[in-house]
């Protein structure tokens, strides 16, 4: 991975964003927003792709997944962001598997 410890680093997150952007013909990005009130709410992290779709397409122009951090599964923000990108990739695949889009 991109850092000298266990788990993914920011280089891995960047590489995953670039790879997904190329694979799915869109722009993948992460958004970090404060969650809750004051300093105790943590962060709301969104992984999104803005797809390059033709006018009139039934494919949505944007697909996103959102989860708060800190969470019980990831000890680092990099690990959380990397896992969220995997979830986004799965959600994109479910959008493309929707047979109603092709009828």
PDB file of N, CA and C in Angstrom:
ATOM      1  N   UNK A   1       0.835  -1.177   0.000  1.00  0.00           N
ATOM      2  CA  UNK A   1       0.000   0.000   0.000  1.00  0.00           C
ATOM      3  C   UNK A   1       0.882   1.244   0.000  1.00  0.00           C
ATOM      4  N   UNK A   2       0.278   2.402  -0.033  1.00  0.00           N
ATOM      5  CA  UNK A   2       1.011   3.637  -0.247  1.00  0.00           C
ATOM      6  C   UNK A   2       1.702   4.230   0.950  1.00  0.00           C
ATOM      7  N   UNK A   3       1.658   3.613   2.104  1.00  0.00           N
ATOM      8  CA  UNK A   3       2.370   4.146   3.251  1.00  0.00           C
ATOM      9  C   UNK A   3       3.075   3.015   3.974  1.00  0.00           C
ATOM     10  N   UNK A   4       3.912   3.358   4.933  1.00  0.00           N
ATOM     11  CA  UNK A   4       4.734   2.351   5.600  1.00  0.00           C
ATOM     12  C   UNK A   4       4.067   1.828   6.867  1.00  0.00           C
ATOM     13  N   UNK A   5       2.837   1.390   6.752  1.00  0.00           N
ATOM     14  CA  UNK A   5       2.128   0.754   7.865  1.00  0.00           C
ATOM     15  C   UNK A   5       1.022  -0.105   7.276  1.00  0.00           C
ATOM     16  N   UNK A   6       0.224  -0.668   8.126  1.00  0.00           N
ATOM     17  CA  UNK A   6      -0.870  -1.515   7.657  1.00  0.00           C
ATOM     18  C   UNK A   6      -1.997  -0.672   7.091  1.00  0.00           C
ATOM     19  N   UNK A   7      -2.580  -1.134   6.026  1.00  0.00           N
ATOM     20  CA  UNK A   7      -3.738  -0.467   5.449  1.00  0.00           C
ATOM     21  C   UNK A   7      -3.374   0.509   4.352  1.00  0.00           C
ATOM     22  N   UNK A   8      -4.399   1.007   3.660  1.00  0.00           N
ATOM     23  CA  UNK A   8      -4.181   1.918   2.545  1.00  0.00           C
ATOM     24  C   UNK A   8      -3.765   3.311   3.014  1.00  0.00           C
ATOM     25  N   UNK A   9      -3.076   4.016   2.131  1.00  0.00           N
ATOM     26  CA  UNK A   9      -2.681   5.404   2.383  1.00  0.00           C
ATOM     27  C   UNK A   9      -3.340   6.317   1.359  1.00  0.00           C
ATOM     28  N   UNK A  10      -3.016   7.598   1.415  1.00  0.00           N
ATOM     29  CA  UNK A  10      -3.628   8.564   0.514  1.00  0.00           C
ATOM     30  C   UNK A  10      -3.241   8.315  -0.940  1.00  0.00           C
ATOM     31  N   UNK A  11      -2.053   7.772  -1.180  1.00  0.00           N
ATOM     32  CA  UNK A  11      -1.667   7.445  -2.558  1.00  0.00           C
ATOM     33  C   UNK A  11      -2.579   6.363  -3.113  1.00  0.00           C
ATOM     34  N   UNK A  12      -2.934   5.399  -2.279  1.00  0.00           N
ATOM     35  CA  UNK A  12      -3.858   4.335  -2.698  1.00  0.00           C
ATOM     36  C   UNK A  12      -5.235   4.912  -3.000  1.00  0.00           C
ATOM     37  N   UNK A  13      -5.687   5.851  -2.178  1.00  0.00           N
ATOM     38  CA  UNK A  13      -6.983   6.493  -2.384  1.00  0.00           C
ATOM     39  C   UNK A  13      -6.970   7.253  -3.712  1.00  0.00           C
ATOM     40  N   UNK A  14      -5.904   8.024  -3.958  1.00  0.00           N
ATOM     41  CA  UNK A  14      -5.795   8.766  -5.215  1.00  0.00           C
ATOM     42  C   UNK A  14      -5.775   7.820  -6.422  1.00  0.00           C
ATOM     43  N   UNK A  15      -5.008   6.754  -6.320  1.00  0.00           N
ATOM     44  CA  UNK A  15      -4.917   5.788  -7.414  1.00  0.00           C
ATOM     45  C   UNK A  15      -6.269   5.150  -7.695  1.00  0.00           C
ATOM     46  N   UNK A  16      -6.993   4.813  -6.637  1.00  0.00           N
ATOM     47  CA  UNK A  16      -8.323   4.219  -6.802  1.00  0.00           C
ATOM     48  C   UNK A  16      -9.285   5.213  -7.465  1.00  0.00           C
ATOM     49  N   UNK A  17      -9.236   6.479  -7.066  1.00  0.00           N
ATOM     50  CA  UNK A  17     -10.094   7.495  -7.691  1.00  0.00           C
ATOM     51  C   UNK A  17      -9.802   7.608  -9.179  1.00  0.00           C
ATOM     52  N   UNK A  18      -8.532   7.650  -9.529  1.00  0.00           N
ATOM     53  CA  UNK A  18      -8.146   7.779 -10.942  1.00  0.00           C
ATOM     54  C   UNK A  18      -8.561   6.543 -11.740  1.00  0.00           C
ATOM     55  N   UNK A  19      -8.358   5.373 -11.184  1.00  0.00           N
ATOM     56  CA  UNK A  19      -8.711   4.128 -11.874  1.00  0.00           C
ATOM     57  C   UNK A  19     -10.217   4.032 -12.099  1.00  0.00           C
ATOM     58  N   UNK A  20     -10.994   4.352 -11.063  1.00  0.00           N
ATOM     59  CA  UNK A  20     -12.448   4.284 -11.204  1.00  0.00           C
ATOM     60  C   UNK A  20     -12.951   5.321 -12.199  1.00  0.00           C
ATOM     61  N   UNK A  21     -12.349   6.503 -12.206  1.00  0.00           N
ATOM     62  CA  UNK A  21     -12.735   7.546 -13.166  1.00  0.00           C
ATOM     63  C   UNK A  21     -12.536   7.060 -14.593  1.00  0.00           C
ATOM     64  N   UNK A  22     -11.394   6.438 -14.847  1.00  0.00           N
ATOM     65  CA  UNK A  22     -11.105   5.941 -16.195  1.00  0.00           C
ATOM     66  C   UNK A  22     -12.011   4.772 -16.560  1.00  0.00           C
ATOM     67  N   UNK A  23     -12.209   3.855 -15.632  1.00  0.00           N
ATOM     68  CA  UNK A  23     -12.996   2.659 -15.898  1.00  0.00           C
ATOM     69  C   UNK A  23     -14.463   2.976 -16.184  1.00  0.00           C
ATOM     70  N   UNK A  24     -15.023   3.913 -15.432  1.00  0.00           N
ATOM     71  CA  UNK A  24     -16.456   4.197 -15.527  1.00  0.00           C
ATOM     72  C   UNK A  24     -16.778   5.459 -16.331  1.00  0.00           C
ATOM     73  N   UNK A  25     -15.786   6.060 -16.975  1.00  0.00           N
ATOM     74  CA  UNK A  25     -15.993   7.274 -17.788  1.00  0.00           C
ATOM     75  C   UNK A  25     -16.689   8.376 -17.002  1.00  0.00           C
ATOM     76  N   UNK A  26     -16.053   8.769 -15.923  1.00  0.00           N
ATOM     77  CA  UNK A  26     -16.594   9.833 -15.086  1.00  0.00           C
ATOM     78  C   UNK A  26     -15.502  10.437 -14.233  1.00  0.00           C
ATOM     79  N   UNK A  27     -15.908  11.244 -13.272  1.00  0.00           N
ATOM     80  CA  UNK A  27     -14.975  11.882 -12.342  1.00  0.00           C
ATOM     81  C   UNK A  27     -15.316  11.448 -10.925  1.00  0.00           C
ATOM     82  N   UNK A  28     -14.388  10.734 -10.280  1.00  0.00           N
ATOM     83  CA  UNK A  28     -14.588  10.248  -8.920  1.00  0.00           C
ATOM     84  C   UNK A  28     -13.931  11.218  -7.944  1.00  0.00           C
ATOM     85  N   UNK A  29     -14.626  11.506  -6.857  1.00  0.00           N
ATOM     86  CA  UNK A  29     -14.072  12.396  -5.838  1.00  0.00           C
ATOM     87  C   UNK A  29     -14.614  12.070  -4.469  1.00  0.00           C
ATOM     88  N   UNK A  30     -13.974  12.645  -3.475  1.00  0.00           N
ATOM     89  CA  UNK A  30     -14.376  12.482  -2.076  1.00  0.00           C
ATOM     90  C   UNK A  30     -14.716  13.845  -1.497  1.00  0.00           C
ATOM     91  N   UNK A  31     -15.732  13.879  -0.653  1.00  0.00           N
ATOM     92  CA  UNK A  31     -16.130  15.100   0.033  1.00  0.00           C
ATOM     93  C   UNK A  31     -16.144  14.819   1.524  1.00  0.00           C
ATOM     94  N   UNK A  32     -15.544  15.712   2.307  1.00  0.00           N
ATOM     95  CA  UNK A  32     -15.489  15.584   3.762  1.00  0.00           C
ATOM     96  C   UNK A  32     -16.207  16.775   4.368  1.00  0.00           C
ATOM     97  N   UNK A  33     -17.250  16.507   5.152  1.00  0.00           N
ATOM     98  CA  UNK A  33     -18.024  17.559   5.791  1.00  0.00           C
ATOM     99  C   UNK A  33     -18.137  17.284   7.284  1.00  0.00           C
ATOM    100  N   UNK A  34     -18.151  18.335   8.108  1.00  0.00           N
ATOM    101  CA  UNK A  34     -18.354  18.106   9.538  1.00  0.00           C
ATOM    102  C   UNK A  34     -19.735  17.496   9.788  1.00  0.00           C
ATOM    103  N   UNK A  35     -19.790  16.549  10.688  1.00  0.00           N
ATOM    104  CA  UNK A  35     -21.066  15.923  11.056  1.00  0.00           C
ATOM    105  C   UNK A  35     -21.378  16.280  12.505  1.00  0.00           C
ATOM    106  N   UNK A  36     -22.627  16.409  12.820  1.00  0.00           N
ATOM    107  CA  UNK A  36     -23.009  16.682  14.199  1.00  0.00           C
ATOM    108  C   UNK A  36     -22.789  18.125  14.596  1.00  0.00           C
ATOM    109  N   UNK A  37     -22.812  18.323  15.912  1.00  0.00           N
ATOM    110  CA  UNK A  37     -22.694  19.666  16.479  1.00  0.00           C
ATOM    111  C   UNK A  37     -21.361  19.785  17.209  1.00  0.00           C
ATOM    112  N   UNK A  38     -20.665  20.882  16.993  1.00  0.00           N
ATOM    113  CA  UNK A  38     -19.405  21.117  17.689  1.00  0.00           C
ATOM    114  C   UNK A  38     -18.310  20.190  17.212  1.00  0.00           C
ATOM    115  N   UNK A  39     -17.401  19.875  18.118  1.00  0.00           N
ATOM    116  CA  UNK A  39     -16.236  19.077  17.741  1.00  0.00           C
ATOM    117  C   UNK A  39     -16.430  17.584  17.965  1.00  0.00           C
ATOM    118  N   UNK A  40     -17.629  17.162  18.346  1.00  0.00           N
ATOM    119  CA  UNK A  40     -17.837  15.757  18.693  1.00  0.00           C
ATOM    120  C   UNK A  40     -18.522  14.946  17.610  1.00  0.00           C
ATOM    121  N   UNK A  41     -18.850  15.562  16.492  1.00  0.00           N
ATOM    122  CA  UNK A  41     -19.650  14.867  15.491  1.00  0.00           C
ATOM    123  C   UNK A  41     -18.876  14.040  14.486  1.00  0.00           C
ATOM    124  N   UNK A  42     -17.573  14.195  14.402  1.00  0.00           N
ATOM    125  CA  UNK A  42     -16.804  13.478  13.394  1.00  0.00           C
ATOM    126  C   UNK A  42     -17.007  14.083  12.022  1.00  0.00           C
ATOM    127  N   UNK A  43     -16.839  13.270  11.011  1.00  0.00           N
ATOM    128  CA  UNK A  43     -16.960  13.726   9.626  1.00  0.00           C
ATOM    129  C   UNK A  43     -17.935  12.858   8.847  1.00  0.00           C
ATOM    130  N   UNK A  44     -18.640  13.491   7.935  1.00  0.00           N
ATOM    131  CA  UNK A  44     -19.457  12.779   6.964  1.00  0.00           C
ATOM    132  C   UNK A  44     -18.624  12.715   5.688  1.00  0.00           C
ATOM    133  N   UNK A  45     -18.373  11.511   5.206  1.00  0.00           N
ATOM    134  CA  UNK A  45     -17.522  11.315   4.032  1.00  0.00           C
ATOM    135  C   UNK A  45     -18.375  10.766   2.894  1.00  0.00           C
ATOM    136  N   UNK A  46     -18.307  11.433   1.748  1.00  0.00           N
ATOM    137  CA  UNK A  46     -19.045  10.987   0.565  1.00  0.00           C
ATOM    138  C   UNK A  46     -18.066  10.643  -0.542  1.00  0.00           C
ATOM    139  N   UNK A  47     -18.283   9.515  -1.176  1.00  0.00           N
ATOM    140  CA  UNK A  47     -17.554   9.140  -2.388  1.00  0.00           C
ATOM    141  C   UNK A  47     -18.567   9.209  -3.523  1.00  0.00           C
ATOM    142  N   UNK A  48     -18.228   9.958  -4.571  1.00  0.00           N
ATOM    143  CA  UNK A  48     -19.170  10.187  -5.662  1.00  0.00           C
ATOM    144  C   UNK A  48     -18.482  10.068  -7.009  1.00  0.00           C
ATOM    145  N   UNK A  49     -19.287   9.744  -8.017  1.00  0.00           N
ATOM    146  CA  UNK A  49     -18.822   9.798  -9.393  1.00  0.00           C
ATOM    147  C   UNK A  49     -19.834  10.599 -10.197  1.00  0.00           C
ATOM    148  N   UNK A  50     -19.317  11.533 -10.970  1.00  0.00           N
ATOM    149  CA  UNK A  50     -20.143  12.272 -11.917  1.00  0.00           C
ATOM    150  C   UNK A  50     -19.880  11.622 -13.266  1.00  0.00           C
ATOM    151  N   UNK A  51     -20.885  10.907 -13.764  1.00  0.00           N
ATOM    152  CA  UNK A  51     -20.747  10.133 -14.993  1.00  0.00           C
ATOM    153  C   UNK A  51     -20.932  11.008 -16.222  1.00  0.00           C
ATOM    154  N   UNK A  52     -20.181  10.714 -17.265  1.00  0.00           N
ATOM    155  CA  UNK A  52     -20.327  11.399 -18.549  1.00  0.00           C
ATOM    156  C   UNK A  52     -21.436  10.694 -19.321  1.00  0.00           C
ATOM    157  N   UNK A  53     -22.666  11.194 -19.173  1.00  0.00           N
ATOM    158  CA  UNK A  53     -23.813  10.567 -19.835  1.00  0.00           C
ATOM    159  C   UNK A  53     -24.346  11.478 -20.933  1.00  0.00           C
ATOM    160  N   UNK A  54     -24.951  10.859 -21.920  1.00  0.00           N
ATOM    161  CA  UNK A  54     -25.550  11.612 -23.013  1.00  0.00           C
ATOM    162  C   UNK A  54     -26.889  12.199 -22.572  1.00  0.00           C
ATOM    163  N   UNK A  55     -27.287  13.329 -23.150  1.00  0.00           N
ATOM    164  CA  UNK A  55     -28.596  13.904 -22.828  1.00  0.00           C
ATOM    165  C   UNK A  55     -29.709  12.890 -23.103  1.00  0.00           C
ATOM    166  N   UNK A  56     -30.650  12.787 -22.197  1.00  0.00           N
ATOM    167  CA  UNK A  56     -31.754  11.857 -22.340  1.00  0.00           C
ATOM    168  C   UNK A  56     -31.465  10.459 -21.823  1.00  0.00           C
ATOM    169  N   UNK A  57     -30.259  10.211 -21.366  1.00  0.00           N
ATOM    170  CA  UNK A  57     -29.897   8.896 -20.842  1.00  0.00           C
ATOM    171  C   UNK A  57     -30.650   8.622 -19.542  1.00  0.00           C
ATOM    172  N   UNK A  58     -30.992   7.366 -19.331  1.00  0.00           N
ATOM    173  CA  UNK A  58     -31.642   6.980 -18.079  1.00  0.00           C
ATOM    174  C   UNK A  58     -30.631   6.698 -16.973  1.00  0.00           C
ATOM    175  N   UNK A  59     -29.353   6.673 -17.326  1.00  0.00           N
ATOM    176  CA  UNK A  59     -28.303   6.470 -16.326  1.00  0.00           C
ATOM    177  C   UNK A  59     -28.177   7.754 -15.517  1.00  0.00           C
ATOM    178  N   UNK A  60     -28.139   7.670 -14.192  1.00  0.00           N
ATOM    179  CA  UNK A  60     -28.038   8.886 -13.382  1.00  0.00           C
ATOM    180  C   UNK A  60     -26.693   9.583 -13.605  1.00  0.00           C
ATOM    181  N   UNK A  61     -26.682  10.906 -13.615  1.00  0.00           N
ATOM    182  CA  UNK A  61     -25.429  11.629 -13.838  1.00  0.00           C
ATOM    183  C   UNK A  61     -24.478  11.584 -12.641  1.00  0.00           C
ATOM    184  N   UNK A  62     -25.002  11.229 -11.472  1.00  0.00           N
ATOM    185  CA  UNK A  62     -24.162  11.173 -10.270  1.00  0.00           C
ATOM    186  C   UNK A  62     -24.588   9.990  -9.400  1.00  0.00           C
ATOM    187  N   UNK A  63     -23.601   9.265  -8.898  1.00  0.00           N
ATOM    188  CA  UNK A  63     -23.840   8.148  -7.982  1.00  0.00           C
ATOM    189  C   UNK A  63     -22.958   8.395  -6.763  1.00  0.00           C
ATOM    190  N   UNK A  64     -23.527   8.261  -5.557  1.00  0.00           N
ATOM    191  CA  UNK A  64     -22.778   8.548  -4.328  1.00  0.00           C
ATOM    192  C   UNK A  64     -23.070   7.539  -3.230  1.00  0.00           C
ATOM    193  N   UNK A  65     -22.102   7.401  -2.345  1.00  0.00           N
ATOM    194  CA  UNK A  65     -22.291   6.680  -1.088  1.00  0.00           C
ATOM    195  C   UNK A  65     -21.722   7.563   0.021  1.00  0.00           C
ATOM    196  N   UNK A  66     -22.365   7.533   1.188  1.00  0.00           N
ATOM    197  CA  UNK A  66     -21.968   8.402   2.299  1.00  0.00           C
ATOM    198  C   UNK A  66     -21.931   7.589   3.583  1.00  0.00           C
ATOM    199  N   UNK A  67     -20.873   7.778   4.364  1.00  0.00           N
ATOM    200  CA  UNK A  67     -20.760   7.162   5.685  1.00  0.00           C
ATOM    201  C   UNK A  67     -19.975   8.083   6.602  1.00  0.00           C
ATOM    202  N   UNK A  68     -20.302   8.037   7.875  1.00  0.00           N
ATOM    203  CA  UNK A  68     -19.613   8.878   8.860  1.00  0.00           C
ATOM    204  C   UNK A  68     -18.337   8.228   9.365  1.00  0.00           C
ATOM    205  N   UNK A  69     -17.389   9.083   9.730  1.00  0.00           N
ATOM    206  CA  UNK A  69     -16.130   8.656  10.340  1.00  0.00           C
ATOM    207  C   UNK A  69     -15.863   9.536  11.539  1.00  0.00           C
ATOM    208  N   UNK A  70     -15.400   9.049  12.660  1.00  0.00           N
ATOM    209  CA  UNK A  70     -14.897   7.703  12.885  1.00  0.00           C
ATOM    210  C   UNK A  70     -16.012   6.660  12.894  1.00  0.00           C
ATOM    211  N   UNK A  71     -15.599   5.457  12.555  1.00  0.00           N
ATOM    212  CA  UNK A  71     -16.536   4.339  12.527  1.00  0.00           C
ATOM    213  C   UNK A  71     -15.871   3.141  13.197  1.00  0.00           C
ATOM    214  N   UNK A  72     -16.621   2.117  13.427  1.00  0.00           N
ATOM    215  CA  UNK A  72     -16.106   0.927  14.094  1.00  0.00           C
ATOM    216  C   UNK A  72     -15.250   0.033  13.217  1.00  0.00           C
ATOM    217  N   UNK A  73     -15.228   0.285  11.916  1.00  0.00           N
ATOM    218  CA  UNK A  73     -14.518  -0.598  11.000  1.00  0.00           C
ATOM    219  C   UNK A  73     -13.135  -0.105  10.599  1.00  0.00           C
ATOM    220  N   UNK A  74     -12.916   1.212  10.595  1.00  0.00           N
ATOM    221  CA  UNK A  74     -11.658   1.764  10.072  1.00  0.00           C
ATOM    222  C   UNK A  74     -11.017   2.692  11.099  1.00  0.00           C
ATOM    223  N   UNK A  75      -9.763   2.432  11.385  1.00  0.00           N
ATOM    224  CA  UNK A  75      -9.066   3.248  12.376  1.00  0.00           C
ATOM    225  C   UNK A  75      -8.466   4.516  11.771  1.00  0.00           C
ATOM    226  N   UNK A  76      -8.319   4.557  10.436  1.00  0.00           N
ATOM    227  CA  UNK A  76      -7.753   5.739   9.791  1.00  0.00           C
ATOM    228  C   UNK A  76      -8.724   6.301   8.765  1.00  0.00           C
ATOM    229  N   UNK A  77      -8.589   7.587   8.504  1.00  0.00           N
ATOM    230  CA  UNK A  77      -9.418   8.236   7.492  1.00  0.00           C
ATOM    231  C   UNK A  77      -9.113   7.656   6.108  1.00  0.00           C
ATOM    232  N   UNK A  78      -7.838   7.335   5.848  1.00  0.00           N
ATOM    233  CA  UNK A  78      -7.469   6.766   4.561  1.00  0.00           C
ATOM    234  C   UNK A  78      -8.159   5.424   4.334  1.00  0.00           C
ATOM    235  N   UNK A  79      -8.172   4.595   5.361  1.00  0.00           N
ATOM    236  CA  UNK A  79      -8.832   3.301   5.267  1.00  0.00           C
ATOM    237  C   UNK A  79     -10.326   3.445   5.040  1.00  0.00           C
ATOM    238  N   UNK A  80     -10.925   4.420   5.716  1.00  0.00           N
ATOM    239  CA  UNK A  80     -12.352   4.682   5.570  1.00  0.00           C
ATOM    240  C   UNK A  80     -12.661   5.137   4.139  1.00  0.00           C
ATOM    241  N   UNK A  81     -11.868   6.075   3.627  1.00  0.00           N
ATOM    242  CA  UNK A  81     -12.082   6.593   2.274  1.00  0.00           C
ATOM    243  C   UNK A  81     -11.892   5.492   1.229  1.00  0.00           C
ATOM    244  N   UNK A  82     -10.872   4.666   1.408  1.00  0.00           N
ATOM    245  CA  UNK A  82     -10.594   3.579   0.460  1.00  0.00           C
ATOM    246  C   UNK A  82     -11.748   2.583   0.437  1.00  0.00           C
ATOM    247  N   UNK A  83     -12.261   2.227   1.607  1.00  0.00           N
ATOM    248  CA  UNK A  83     -13.394   1.297   1.683  1.00  0.00           C
ATOM    249  C   UNK A  83     -14.644   1.910   1.056  1.00  0.00           C
ATOM    250  N   UNK A  84     -14.824   3.208   1.242  1.00  0.00           N
ATOM    251  CA  UNK A  84     -15.977   3.888   0.667  1.00  0.00           C
ATOM    252  C   UNK A  84     -15.907   3.872  -0.869  1.00  0.00           C
ATOM    253  N   UNK A  85     -14.703   3.977  -1.409  1.00  0.00           N
ATOM    254  CA  UNK A  85     -14.545   3.891  -2.863  1.00  0.00           C
ATOM    255  C   UNK A  85     -14.922   2.503  -3.377  1.00  0.00           C
ATOM    256  N   UNK A  86     -14.610   1.464  -2.611  1.00  0.00           N
ATOM    257  CA  UNK A  86     -15.033   0.104  -2.992  1.00  0.00           C
ATOM    258  C   UNK A  86     -16.556   0.010  -2.985  1.00  0.00           C
ATOM    259  N   UNK A  87     -17.198   0.616  -1.990  1.00  0.00           N
ATOM    260  CA  UNK A  87     -18.659   0.619  -1.938  1.00  0.00           C
ATOM    261  C   UNK A  87     -19.246   1.374  -3.120  1.00  0.00           C
ATOM    262  N   UNK A  88     -18.605   2.495  -3.490  1.00  0.00           N
ATOM    263  CA  UNK A  88     -19.066   3.255  -4.643  1.00  0.00           C
ATOM    264  C   UNK A  88     -18.962   2.412  -5.910  1.00  0.00           C
ATOM    265  N   UNK A  89     -17.875   1.700  -6.074  1.00  0.00           N
ATOM    266  CA  UNK A  89     -17.700   0.851  -7.251  1.00  0.00           C
ATOM    267  C   UNK A  89     -18.814  -0.190  -7.331  1.00  0.00           C
ATOM    268  N   UNK A  90     -19.169  -0.781  -6.194  1.00  0.00           N
ATOM    269  CA  UNK A  90     -20.259  -1.761  -6.167  1.00  0.00           C
ATOM    270  C   UNK A  90     -21.587  -1.095  -6.533  1.00  0.00           C
ATOM    271  N   UNK A  91     -21.835   0.108  -6.001  1.00  0.00           N
ATOM    272  CA  UNK A  91     -23.084   0.804  -6.300  1.00  0.00           C
ATOM    273  C   UNK A  91     -23.167   1.162  -7.785  1.00  0.00           C
ATOM    274  N   UNK A  92     -22.051   1.567  -8.383  1.00  0.00           N
ATOM    275  CA  UNK A  92     -22.025   1.860  -9.817  1.00  0.00           C
ATOM    276  C   UNK A  92     -22.386   0.595 -10.602  1.00  0.00           C
ATOM    277  N   UNK A  93     -21.851  -0.542 -10.178  1.00  0.00           N
ATOM    278  CA  UNK A  93     -22.149  -1.789 -10.894  1.00  0.00           C
ATOM    279  C   UNK A  93     -23.628  -2.135 -10.800  1.00  0.00           C
ATOM    280  N   UNK A  94     -24.272  -1.839  -9.676  1.00  0.00           N
ATOM    281  CA  UNK A  94     -25.709  -2.119  -9.561  1.00  0.00           C
ATOM    282  C   UNK A  94     -26.511  -1.185 -10.461  1.00  0.00           C
ATOM    283  N   UNK A  95     -26.049   0.056 -10.652  1.00  0.00           N
ATOM    284  CA  UNK A  95     -26.725   0.980 -11.568  1.00  0.00           C
ATOM    285  C   UNK A  95     -26.669   0.428 -12.986  1.00  0.00           C
ATOM    286  N   UNK A  96     -25.502  -0.053 -13.391  1.00  0.00           N
ATOM    287  CA  UNK A  96     -25.357  -0.586 -14.743  1.00  0.00           C
ATOM    288  C   UNK A  96     -26.075  -1.923 -14.936  1.00  0.00           C
ATOM    289  N   UNK A  97     -26.306  -2.663 -13.866  1.00  0.00           N
ATOM    290  CA  UNK A  97     -27.011  -3.942 -13.971  1.00  0.00           C
ATOM    291  C   UNK A  97     -28.529  -3.766 -13.985  1.00  0.00           C
ATOM    292  N   UNK A  98     -29.012  -2.557 -13.770  1.00  0.00           N
ATOM    293  CA  UNK A  98     -30.431  -2.297 -13.785  1.00  0.00           C
ATOM    294  C   UNK A  98     -30.965  -2.425 -15.214  1.00  0.00           C
ATOM    295  N   UNK A  99     -31.675  -3.502 -15.476  1.00  0.00           N
ATOM    296  CA  UNK A  99     -32.134  -3.798 -16.829  1.00  0.00           C
ATOM    297  C   UNK A  99     -33.104  -2.749 -17.379  1.00  0.00           C
ATOM    298  N   UNK A 100     -33.776  -2.030 -16.505  1.00  0.00           N
ATOM    299  CA  UNK A 100     -34.734  -1.010 -16.958  1.00  0.00           C
ATOM    300  C   UNK A 100     -34.033   0.091 -17.757  1.00  0.00           C
ATOM    301  N   UNK A 101     -32.730   0.297 -17.494  1.00  0.00           N
ATOM    302  CA  UNK A 101     -31.997   1.343 -18.207  1.00  0.00           C
ATOM    303  C   UNK A 101     -31.853   1.031 -19.685  1.00  0.00           C
ATOM    304  N   UNK A 102     -31.881  -0.246 -20.031  1.00  0.00           N
ATOM    305  CA  UNK A 102     -31.572  -0.649 -21.409  1.00  0.00           C
ATOM    306  C   UNK A 102     -32.808  -0.938 -22.247  1.00  0.00           C
ATOM    307  N   UNK A 103     -33.985  -0.823 -21.672  1.00  0.00           N
ATOM    308  CA  UNK A 103     -35.217  -1.129 -22.417  1.00  0.00           C
ATOM    309  C   UNK A 103     -35.755   0.092 -23.123  1.00  0.00           C
TER     310      UNK A 103
END
